N, C-alpha and C. Protein backbone atom coordinates (compact mmCIF):
# COMPACT_ATOMS: atom_id res chain seq x y z
N UNK A 1 43.04 -4.71 21.73
CA UNK A 1 43.15 -5.88 20.88
C UNK A 1 41.81 -6.63 20.80
N UNK A 2 41.08 -6.67 21.92
CA UNK A 2 39.79 -7.36 21.92
C UNK A 2 38.82 -6.71 20.93
N UNK A 3 38.78 -5.39 20.93
CA UNK A 3 37.88 -4.69 20.01
C UNK A 3 38.27 -4.95 18.55
N UNK A 4 39.56 -4.98 18.28
CA UNK A 4 40.02 -5.24 16.91
C UNK A 4 39.59 -6.63 16.45
N UNK A 5 39.77 -7.63 17.31
CA UNK A 5 39.38 -8.99 16.95
C UNK A 5 37.87 -9.12 16.79
N UNK A 6 37.13 -8.41 17.63
CA UNK A 6 35.66 -8.43 17.51
C UNK A 6 35.25 -7.81 16.17
N UNK A 7 35.86 -6.69 15.81
CA UNK A 7 35.52 -6.03 14.55
C UNK A 7 35.91 -6.91 13.36
N UNK A 8 37.06 -7.58 13.47
CA UNK A 8 37.47 -8.50 12.40
C UNK A 8 36.47 -9.65 12.29
N UNK A 9 36.03 -10.18 13.43
CA UNK A 9 35.01 -11.22 13.42
C UNK A 9 33.72 -10.74 12.79
N UNK A 10 33.33 -9.51 13.10
CA UNK A 10 32.13 -8.93 12.51
C UNK A 10 32.25 -8.82 10.99
N UNK A 11 33.45 -8.46 10.53
CA UNK A 11 33.67 -8.34 9.08
C UNK A 11 33.56 -9.72 8.42
N UNK A 12 34.14 -10.72 9.05
CA UNK A 12 34.00 -12.08 8.51
C UNK A 12 32.54 -12.52 8.49
N UNK A 13 31.81 -12.17 9.54
CA UNK A 13 30.39 -12.52 9.59
C UNK A 13 29.65 -11.90 8.40
N UNK A 14 29.90 -10.62 8.15
CA UNK A 14 29.24 -9.94 7.03
C UNK A 14 29.63 -10.54 5.69
N UNK A 15 30.82 -11.13 5.63
CA UNK A 15 31.28 -11.79 4.40
C UNK A 15 30.81 -13.25 4.33
N UNK A 16 29.98 -13.65 5.28
CA UNK A 16 29.43 -15.00 5.36
C UNK A 16 30.50 -16.06 5.65
N UNK A 17 31.60 -15.62 6.23
CA UNK A 17 32.68 -16.54 6.61
C UNK A 17 32.56 -16.81 8.12
N UNK A 18 31.59 -17.62 8.47
CA UNK A 18 31.21 -17.79 9.86
C UNK A 18 32.29 -18.50 10.69
N UNK A 19 32.97 -19.49 10.10
CA UNK A 19 34.03 -20.17 10.84
C UNK A 19 35.16 -19.22 11.20
N UNK A 20 35.53 -18.36 10.26
CA UNK A 20 36.58 -17.38 10.52
C UNK A 20 36.12 -16.37 11.57
N UNK A 21 34.86 -16.01 11.54
CA UNK A 21 34.32 -15.09 12.54
C UNK A 21 34.41 -15.72 13.93
N UNK A 22 34.03 -16.99 14.03
CA UNK A 22 34.09 -17.70 15.31
C UNK A 22 35.52 -17.73 15.82
N UNK A 23 36.47 -17.98 14.92
CA UNK A 23 37.88 -18.00 15.31
C UNK A 23 38.31 -16.65 15.88
N UNK A 24 37.90 -15.57 15.25
CA UNK A 24 38.24 -14.23 15.75
C UNK A 24 37.62 -13.99 17.11
N UNK A 25 36.37 -14.37 17.27
CA UNK A 25 35.72 -14.18 18.56
C UNK A 25 36.40 -15.01 19.65
N UNK A 26 36.80 -16.23 19.31
CA UNK A 26 37.51 -17.07 20.28
C UNK A 26 38.84 -16.43 20.69
N UNK A 27 39.56 -15.89 19.71
CA UNK A 27 40.86 -15.25 20.01
C UNK A 27 40.69 -13.95 20.78
N UNK A 28 39.50 -13.40 20.76
CA UNK A 28 39.20 -12.15 21.44
C UNK A 28 39.15 -12.32 22.96
N UNK A 29 38.68 -13.47 23.43
CA UNK A 29 38.41 -13.66 24.86
C UNK A 29 39.58 -13.40 25.79
N UNK A 30 40.81 -13.85 25.48
CA UNK A 30 41.91 -13.58 26.42
C UNK A 30 42.19 -12.10 26.63
N UNK A 31 41.74 -11.26 25.72
CA UNK A 31 42.00 -9.83 25.81
C UNK A 31 40.86 -9.05 26.47
N UNK A 32 39.76 -9.71 26.75
CA UNK A 32 38.62 -9.03 27.37
C UNK A 32 38.86 -8.94 28.87
N UNK A 33 38.81 -7.74 29.39
CA UNK A 33 38.94 -7.52 30.83
C UNK A 33 37.77 -8.18 31.55
N UNK A 34 38.04 -8.79 32.68
CA UNK A 34 36.99 -9.49 33.44
C UNK A 34 35.81 -8.59 33.80
N UNK A 35 36.07 -7.31 33.94
CA UNK A 35 34.99 -6.39 34.32
C UNK A 35 34.17 -5.90 33.12
N UNK A 36 34.60 -6.22 31.90
CA UNK A 36 33.90 -5.75 30.70
C UNK A 36 32.82 -6.75 30.31
N UNK A 37 31.74 -6.75 31.07
CA UNK A 37 30.65 -7.70 30.83
C UNK A 37 29.95 -7.44 29.50
N UNK A 38 29.89 -6.18 29.09
CA UNK A 38 29.22 -5.84 27.84
C UNK A 38 29.93 -6.48 26.65
N UNK A 39 31.23 -6.33 26.56
CA UNK A 39 31.98 -6.89 25.44
C UNK A 39 31.91 -8.41 25.46
N UNK A 40 32.03 -9.00 26.63
CA UNK A 40 31.97 -10.46 26.75
C UNK A 40 30.60 -10.97 26.27
N UNK A 41 29.54 -10.29 26.65
CA UNK A 41 28.19 -10.68 26.24
C UNK A 41 28.04 -10.59 24.73
N UNK A 42 28.52 -9.50 24.15
CA UNK A 42 28.39 -9.30 22.71
C UNK A 42 29.15 -10.35 21.93
N UNK A 43 30.36 -10.65 22.36
CA UNK A 43 31.17 -11.64 21.64
C UNK A 43 30.52 -13.02 21.73
N UNK A 44 30.04 -13.40 22.89
CA UNK A 44 29.36 -14.69 23.03
C UNK A 44 28.09 -14.73 22.17
N UNK A 45 27.34 -13.65 22.17
CA UNK A 45 26.13 -13.59 21.37
C UNK A 45 26.43 -13.64 19.88
N UNK A 46 27.49 -12.98 19.47
CA UNK A 46 27.90 -13.03 18.07
C UNK A 46 28.30 -14.44 17.66
N UNK A 47 29.00 -15.14 18.55
CA UNK A 47 29.36 -16.54 18.27
C UNK A 47 28.09 -17.37 18.12
N UNK A 48 27.12 -17.13 18.99
CA UNK A 48 25.86 -17.86 18.90
C UNK A 48 25.21 -17.65 17.54
N UNK A 49 25.22 -16.42 17.06
CA UNK A 49 24.62 -16.12 15.76
C UNK A 49 25.37 -16.84 14.64
N UNK A 50 26.68 -16.90 14.72
CA UNK A 50 27.45 -17.64 13.72
C UNK A 50 27.04 -19.11 13.71
N UNK A 51 26.93 -19.69 14.89
CA UNK A 51 26.54 -21.10 14.96
C UNK A 51 25.12 -21.31 14.44
N UNK A 52 24.24 -20.35 14.66
CA UNK A 52 22.90 -20.46 14.07
C UNK A 52 22.99 -20.48 12.55
N UNK A 53 23.80 -19.61 11.99
CA UNK A 53 23.95 -19.57 10.53
C UNK A 53 24.53 -20.88 10.00
N UNK A 54 25.38 -21.53 10.80
CA UNK A 54 25.98 -22.80 10.40
C UNK A 54 25.08 -23.99 10.73
N UNK A 55 23.93 -23.71 11.30
CA UNK A 55 22.95 -24.73 11.71
C UNK A 55 23.53 -25.70 12.74
N UNK A 56 24.41 -25.17 13.57
CA UNK A 56 24.96 -25.92 14.69
C UNK A 56 24.24 -25.44 15.95
N UNK A 57 23.03 -25.91 16.09
CA UNK A 57 22.11 -25.35 17.08
C UNK A 57 22.52 -25.64 18.52
N UNK A 58 23.14 -26.77 18.77
CA UNK A 58 23.61 -27.07 20.13
C UNK A 58 24.67 -26.09 20.59
N UNK A 59 25.62 -25.81 19.71
CA UNK A 59 26.67 -24.85 20.04
C UNK A 59 26.10 -23.44 20.15
N UNK A 60 25.15 -23.13 19.28
CA UNK A 60 24.50 -21.81 19.35
C UNK A 60 23.81 -21.63 20.69
N UNK A 61 23.12 -22.67 21.15
CA UNK A 61 22.45 -22.61 22.44
C UNK A 61 23.45 -22.38 23.56
N UNK A 62 24.56 -23.11 23.54
CA UNK A 62 25.58 -22.98 24.59
C UNK A 62 26.16 -21.57 24.64
N UNK A 63 26.47 -21.00 23.49
CA UNK A 63 27.05 -19.66 23.46
C UNK A 63 26.05 -18.60 23.91
N UNK A 64 24.82 -18.72 23.45
CA UNK A 64 23.79 -17.77 23.86
C UNK A 64 23.51 -17.90 25.36
N UNK A 65 23.51 -19.13 25.85
CA UNK A 65 23.28 -19.35 27.27
C UNK A 65 24.41 -18.74 28.10
N UNK A 66 25.64 -18.88 27.62
CA UNK A 66 26.79 -18.28 28.31
C UNK A 66 26.66 -16.76 28.34
N UNK A 67 26.20 -16.19 27.23
CA UNK A 67 26.00 -14.73 27.18
C UNK A 67 24.93 -14.29 28.18
N UNK A 68 23.88 -15.08 28.29
CA UNK A 68 22.79 -14.74 29.21
C UNK A 68 23.26 -14.84 30.66
N UNK A 69 24.19 -15.74 30.93
CA UNK A 69 24.73 -15.84 32.29
C UNK A 69 25.54 -14.60 32.65
N UNK A 70 26.15 -13.97 31.65
CA UNK A 70 26.89 -12.72 31.89
C UNK A 70 25.91 -11.56 32.02
N UNK A 71 24.91 -11.52 31.13
CA UNK A 71 23.91 -10.44 31.15
C UNK A 71 22.53 -11.05 30.92
N UNK A 72 21.80 -11.33 31.99
CA UNK A 72 20.49 -11.98 31.86
C UNK A 72 19.45 -11.18 31.08
N UNK A 73 19.70 -9.92 30.82
CA UNK A 73 18.73 -9.08 30.11
C UNK A 73 19.11 -8.81 28.66
N UNK A 74 20.14 -9.48 28.14
CA UNK A 74 20.58 -9.23 26.77
C UNK A 74 19.59 -9.89 25.80
N UNK A 75 18.78 -9.06 25.16
CA UNK A 75 17.67 -9.56 24.35
C UNK A 75 18.11 -10.39 23.15
N UNK A 76 19.17 -9.99 22.48
CA UNK A 76 19.62 -10.77 21.32
C UNK A 76 20.03 -12.17 21.75
N UNK A 77 20.70 -12.28 22.87
CA UNK A 77 21.12 -13.59 23.36
C UNK A 77 19.92 -14.45 23.73
N UNK A 78 18.93 -13.84 24.34
CA UNK A 78 17.71 -14.56 24.70
C UNK A 78 17.02 -15.08 23.43
N UNK A 79 16.94 -14.23 22.43
CA UNK A 79 16.32 -14.63 21.17
C UNK A 79 17.12 -15.73 20.49
N UNK A 80 18.43 -15.61 20.49
CA UNK A 80 19.27 -16.60 19.83
C UNK A 80 19.22 -17.95 20.56
N UNK A 81 19.16 -17.91 21.87
CA UNK A 81 19.02 -19.16 22.62
C UNK A 81 17.67 -19.80 22.32
N UNK A 82 16.63 -19.00 22.23
CA UNK A 82 15.31 -19.52 21.88
C UNK A 82 15.28 -20.13 20.49
N UNK A 83 15.90 -19.47 19.54
CA UNK A 83 15.97 -20.01 18.17
C UNK A 83 16.71 -21.33 18.15
N UNK A 84 17.84 -21.38 18.85
CA UNK A 84 18.63 -22.62 18.90
C UNK A 84 17.83 -23.74 19.57
N UNK A 85 17.12 -23.42 20.63
CA UNK A 85 16.32 -24.43 21.32
C UNK A 85 15.20 -24.94 20.41
N UNK A 86 14.64 -24.05 19.64
CA UNK A 86 13.56 -24.44 18.74
C UNK A 86 14.03 -25.49 17.73
N UNK A 87 15.24 -25.31 17.22
CA UNK A 87 15.75 -26.18 16.17
C UNK A 87 16.48 -27.43 16.69
N UNK A 88 16.66 -27.54 18.00
CA UNK A 88 17.33 -28.74 18.51
C UNK A 88 16.32 -29.79 18.92
């Protein structure tokens, strides 16, 4: 179910429907196994990107920072947190 919601969120993102994508990513979390750090990182990073597109830089920073706490080496999250910090 988590993968389905992530893919649905990705489809909304590609359709420029960022709020709907965020909703899908949020609904994805209860289905992510605690040991699946990769999926958790990707979903958080994707949410950060949505918030960047919506110019909600504080929220983007928080989501990217959360992703980095799960995987400190996730380059997209590091970049997204930097972008959000730049604009805040």
